[in-house]
N, C-alpha and C. Protein backbone atom coordinates (compact mmCIF):
# COMPACT_ATOMS: atom_id res chain seq x y z
N MET A 1 0.81 -1.20 0.00
CA MET A 1 0.00 0.00 0.00
C MET A 1 0.85 1.27 0.00
N THR A 2 2.15 1.12 0.19
CA THR A 2 2.98 2.31 0.21
C THR A 2 3.03 3.01 -1.15
N GLN A 3 2.59 2.34 -2.19
CA GLN A 3 2.59 2.94 -3.52
C GLN A 3 1.66 4.14 -3.61
N TYR A 4 0.70 4.22 -2.69
CA TYR A 4 -0.27 5.32 -2.72
C TYR A 4 0.03 6.40 -1.67
N ASP A 5 1.05 6.20 -0.86
CA ASP A 5 1.36 7.16 0.21
C ASP A 5 1.58 8.57 -0.33
N GLU A 6 2.30 8.69 -1.41
CA GLU A 6 2.60 10.01 -1.96
C GLU A 6 1.33 10.70 -2.46
N ARG A 7 0.45 9.96 -3.11
CA ARG A 7 -0.82 10.53 -3.58
C ARG A 7 -1.72 10.95 -2.42
N VAL A 8 -1.76 10.14 -1.40
CA VAL A 8 -2.58 10.45 -0.23
C VAL A 8 -2.05 11.70 0.45
N GLN A 9 -0.72 11.79 0.60
CA GLN A 9 -0.13 12.97 1.23
C GLN A 9 -0.39 14.23 0.40
N LEU A 10 -0.31 14.11 -0.92
CA LEU A 10 -0.59 15.25 -1.79
C LEU A 10 -2.02 15.72 -1.62
N GLN A 11 -2.96 14.80 -1.52
CA GLN A 11 -4.36 15.17 -1.31
C GLN A 11 -4.56 15.82 0.06
N ARG A 12 -3.89 15.31 1.08
CA ARG A 12 -3.96 15.93 2.41
C ARG A 12 -3.43 17.36 2.37
N ASP A 13 -2.28 17.52 1.72
CA ASP A 13 -1.69 18.86 1.60
C ASP A 13 -2.59 19.79 0.81
N LYS A 14 -3.22 19.28 -0.23
CA LYS A 14 -4.11 20.10 -1.05
C LYS A 14 -5.29 20.60 -0.24
N LEU A 15 -5.93 19.71 0.49
CA LEU A 15 -7.09 20.10 1.31
C LEU A 15 -6.69 21.08 2.41
N ALA A 16 -5.56 20.82 3.05
CA ALA A 16 -5.10 21.72 4.10
C ALA A 16 -4.71 23.08 3.52
N ALA A 17 -4.08 23.09 2.35
CA ALA A 17 -3.68 24.35 1.72
C ALA A 17 -4.89 25.18 1.32
N GLU A 18 -5.93 24.53 0.82
CA GLU A 18 -7.14 25.25 0.44
C GLU A 18 -7.80 25.91 1.65
N GLU A 19 -7.80 25.23 2.77
CA GLU A 19 -8.35 25.80 4.00
C GLU A 19 -7.47 26.95 4.49
N TRP A 20 -6.16 26.74 4.47
CA TRP A 20 -5.20 27.74 4.90
C TRP A 20 -5.28 29.00 4.04
N ALA A 21 -5.52 28.84 2.75
CA ALA A 21 -5.56 29.96 1.80
C ALA A 21 -6.62 30.99 2.15
N GLU A 22 -7.70 30.56 2.76
CA GLU A 22 -8.81 31.46 3.08
C GLU A 22 -8.62 32.21 4.40
N ARG A 23 -7.58 31.87 5.13
CA ARG A 23 -7.34 32.53 6.42
C ARG A 23 -6.61 33.85 6.22
N PRO A 24 -6.96 34.84 7.03
CA PRO A 24 -6.24 36.13 6.94
C PRO A 24 -4.78 35.98 7.36
N LYS A 25 -3.93 36.66 6.63
CA LYS A 25 -2.50 36.71 6.95
C LYS A 25 -2.20 37.98 7.74
N SER A 26 -2.86 39.08 7.36
CA SER A 26 -2.68 40.34 8.08
C SER A 26 -3.92 41.21 7.90
N LEU A 27 -4.04 42.16 8.82
CA LEU A 27 -5.17 43.09 8.82
C LEU A 27 -4.61 44.48 9.06
N HIS A 28 -5.03 45.42 8.23
CA HIS A 28 -4.50 46.78 8.34
C HIS A 28 -5.64 47.77 8.17
N ILE A 29 -5.91 48.57 9.18
CA ILE A 29 -6.92 49.61 9.12
C ILE A 29 -6.17 50.93 8.98
N HIS A 30 -6.49 51.68 7.92
CA HIS A 30 -5.70 52.88 7.65
C HIS A 30 -6.45 53.86 6.76
N ARG A 31 -5.76 54.95 6.51
CA ARG A 31 -6.25 55.97 5.59
C ARG A 31 -5.05 56.60 4.86
N ILE A 32 -4.06 55.78 4.54
CA ILE A 32 -2.88 56.28 3.85
C ILE A 32 -2.87 55.75 2.41
N ASP A 33 -2.26 56.51 1.53
CA ASP A 33 -2.26 56.12 0.12
C ASP A 33 -0.89 55.64 -0.37
N SER A 34 -0.06 55.19 0.54
CA SER A 34 1.28 54.77 0.15
C SER A 34 1.54 53.27 0.36
N MET A 35 0.48 52.49 0.40
CA MET A 35 0.66 51.04 0.53
C MET A 35 1.33 50.51 -0.74
N TRP A 36 2.13 49.49 -0.63
CA TRP A 36 2.88 48.97 -1.78
C TRP A 36 1.98 48.48 -2.90
N TYR A 37 0.77 48.13 -2.58
CA TYR A 37 -0.16 47.59 -3.58
C TYR A 37 -1.18 48.62 -4.06
N GLU A 38 -1.09 49.83 -3.56
CA GLU A 38 -2.06 50.88 -3.89
C GLU A 38 -2.04 51.23 -5.38
N THR A 39 -3.21 51.50 -5.94
CA THR A 39 -3.32 51.95 -7.32
C THR A 39 -4.06 53.28 -7.35
N ASP A 40 -4.00 53.95 -8.47
CA ASP A 40 -4.73 55.21 -8.59
C ASP A 40 -6.23 54.97 -8.39
N GLU A 41 -6.72 53.87 -8.91
CA GLU A 41 -8.14 53.54 -8.77
C GLU A 41 -8.53 53.28 -7.31
N SER A 42 -7.67 52.60 -6.58
CA SER A 42 -8.01 52.24 -5.20
C SER A 42 -7.88 53.42 -4.23
N LYS A 43 -7.11 54.44 -4.59
CA LYS A 43 -6.93 55.60 -3.71
C LYS A 43 -8.23 56.36 -3.49
N LYS A 44 -9.16 56.26 -4.42
CA LYS A 44 -10.41 57.03 -4.31
C LYS A 44 -11.23 56.62 -3.08
N PHE A 45 -11.07 55.40 -2.61
CA PHE A 45 -11.82 54.96 -1.44
C PHE A 45 -11.35 55.65 -0.16
N LEU A 46 -10.11 56.10 -0.16
CA LEU A 46 -9.55 56.76 1.01
C LEU A 46 -10.19 58.12 1.25
N GLU A 47 -10.76 58.69 0.22
CA GLU A 47 -11.44 59.98 0.36
C GLU A 47 -12.69 59.87 1.25
N ASN A 48 -13.22 58.65 1.36
CA ASN A 48 -14.44 58.42 2.14
C ASN A 48 -14.15 57.98 3.57
N GLY A 49 -12.89 57.98 3.98
CA GLY A 49 -12.54 57.58 5.34
C GLY A 49 -11.64 56.37 5.38
N ASN A 50 -11.55 55.78 6.57
CA ASN A 50 -10.68 54.62 6.77
C ASN A 50 -11.13 53.42 5.96
N VAL A 51 -10.15 52.58 5.62
CA VAL A 51 -10.41 51.31 4.95
C VAL A 51 -9.76 50.20 5.77
N THR A 52 -10.25 49.00 5.58
CA THR A 52 -9.65 47.82 6.21
C THR A 52 -9.14 46.92 5.11
N ASP A 53 -7.84 46.71 5.07
CA ASP A 53 -7.23 45.83 4.08
C ASP A 53 -6.89 44.51 4.76
N ILE A 54 -7.46 43.44 4.23
CA ILE A 54 -7.20 42.10 4.78
C ILE A 54 -6.42 41.31 3.74
N GLN A 55 -5.20 40.92 4.12
CA GLN A 55 -4.37 40.12 3.24
C GLN A 55 -4.57 38.65 3.61
N TYR A 56 -4.84 37.83 2.60
CA TYR A 56 -5.09 36.41 2.81
C TYR A 56 -3.89 35.58 2.38
N ASN A 57 -3.81 34.38 2.87
CA ASN A 57 -2.69 33.49 2.54
C ASN A 57 -2.68 33.10 1.06
N ASN A 58 -3.78 33.27 0.36
CA ASN A 58 -3.84 32.91 -1.06
C ASN A 58 -3.32 34.02 -1.97
N GLY A 59 -2.82 35.11 -1.39
CA GLY A 59 -2.23 36.18 -2.18
C GLY A 59 -3.13 37.37 -2.42
N LEU A 60 -4.41 37.26 -2.13
CA LEU A 60 -5.33 38.37 -2.35
C LEU A 60 -5.33 39.34 -1.17
N ILE A 61 -5.59 40.60 -1.47
CA ILE A 61 -5.82 41.62 -0.46
C ILE A 61 -7.19 42.21 -0.76
N LYS A 62 -8.10 42.10 0.20
CA LYS A 62 -9.44 42.63 0.01
C LYS A 62 -9.61 43.89 0.84
N ARG A 63 -9.99 44.97 0.15
CA ARG A 63 -10.21 46.25 0.82
C ARG A 63 -11.70 46.37 1.15
N ASN A 64 -11.96 46.60 2.43
CA ASN A 64 -13.33 46.76 2.92
C ASN A 64 -13.53 48.20 3.40
N GLN A 65 -14.75 48.67 3.20
CA GLN A 65 -15.12 49.98 3.72
C GLN A 65 -16.62 49.93 4.02
N ASN A 66 -16.95 50.32 5.23
CA ASN A 66 -18.35 50.30 5.68
C ASN A 66 -18.99 48.92 5.53
N GLY A 67 -18.20 47.88 5.84
CA GLY A 67 -18.72 46.53 5.84
C GLY A 67 -18.84 45.87 4.48
N LYS A 68 -18.32 46.48 3.43
CA LYS A 68 -18.41 45.92 2.09
C LYS A 68 -17.02 45.86 1.45
N VAL A 69 -16.80 44.81 0.64
CA VAL A 69 -15.56 44.73 -0.13
C VAL A 69 -15.67 45.72 -1.28
N VAL A 70 -14.72 46.67 -1.33
CA VAL A 70 -14.78 47.71 -2.36
C VAL A 70 -13.68 47.54 -3.42
N HIS A 71 -12.66 46.74 -3.11
CA HIS A 71 -11.58 46.54 -4.08
C HIS A 71 -10.80 45.28 -3.71
N VAL A 72 -10.29 44.58 -4.72
CA VAL A 72 -9.46 43.40 -4.50
C VAL A 72 -8.14 43.59 -5.24
N PHE A 73 -7.04 43.38 -4.53
CA PHE A 73 -5.70 43.51 -5.09
C PHE A 73 -5.09 42.13 -5.27
N GLY A 74 -4.22 42.00 -6.25
CA GLY A 74 -3.42 40.80 -6.41
C GLY A 74 -4.11 39.71 -7.20
N GLU A 75 -3.38 38.61 -7.31
CA GLU A 75 -3.88 37.43 -7.99
C GLU A 75 -3.86 36.27 -7.01
N GLU A 76 -4.89 35.49 -7.04
CA GLU A 76 -5.01 34.34 -6.14
C GLU A 76 -4.11 33.21 -6.62
N ILE A 77 -3.32 32.66 -5.69
CA ILE A 77 -2.51 31.50 -6.05
C ILE A 77 -3.36 30.25 -5.83
N THR A 78 -3.21 29.30 -6.72
CA THR A 78 -4.01 28.07 -6.67
C THR A 78 -3.13 26.89 -7.06
N GLY A 79 -3.72 25.72 -7.00
CA GLY A 79 -3.07 24.50 -7.48
C GLY A 79 -1.76 24.19 -6.79
N GLU A 80 -0.80 23.77 -7.61
CA GLU A 80 0.50 23.35 -7.07
C GLU A 80 1.24 24.50 -6.39
N GLU A 81 1.08 25.70 -6.92
CA GLU A 81 1.74 26.86 -6.30
C GLU A 81 1.22 27.09 -4.89
N LEU A 82 -0.08 26.93 -4.70
CA LEU A 82 -0.68 27.08 -3.37
C LEU A 82 -0.17 25.99 -2.43
N ILE A 83 -0.11 24.77 -2.91
CA ILE A 83 0.38 23.66 -2.08
C ILE A 83 1.83 23.91 -1.67
N ARG A 84 2.65 24.37 -2.61
CA ARG A 84 4.06 24.67 -2.28
C ARG A 84 4.16 25.76 -1.22
N ALA A 85 3.35 26.81 -1.35
CA ALA A 85 3.37 27.90 -0.37
C ALA A 85 2.94 27.39 1.00
N TYR A 86 1.96 26.53 1.03
CA TYR A 86 1.49 25.97 2.30
C TYR A 86 2.55 25.09 2.94
N VAL A 87 3.11 24.18 2.16
CA VAL A 87 4.11 23.25 2.68
C VAL A 87 5.37 24.00 3.13
N ARG A 88 5.73 25.06 2.39
CA ARG A 88 6.93 25.83 2.67
C ARG A 88 6.84 26.57 4.00
N GLY A 89 5.67 27.08 4.35
CA GLY A 89 5.64 27.85 5.59
C GLY A 89 4.28 28.08 6.17
N GLY A 90 3.26 27.53 5.58
CA GLY A 90 1.92 27.83 6.03
C GLY A 90 1.35 26.95 7.12
N GLN A 91 2.07 25.92 7.46
CA GLN A 91 1.51 24.96 8.42
C GLN A 91 1.51 25.46 9.83
């Protein structure tokens, strides 16, 4: 049965990585326009007050204002790249 150990472990890692990907990595409440990921389009939300930027383990940053997602930054990592990121340091 050891012939399937690698496949079983890969499936375990995949399921764990998918769960891990949805967890917040960091949370930042601010009103500054100098974030490394800021764009001209996203700066307009700062005119309306503070924003909450939540960075997730899957690579996305979701900007919230007044309880609603108003902008999404980045590209979501998936598949093998997500599994590698999880195995490398996400556990």
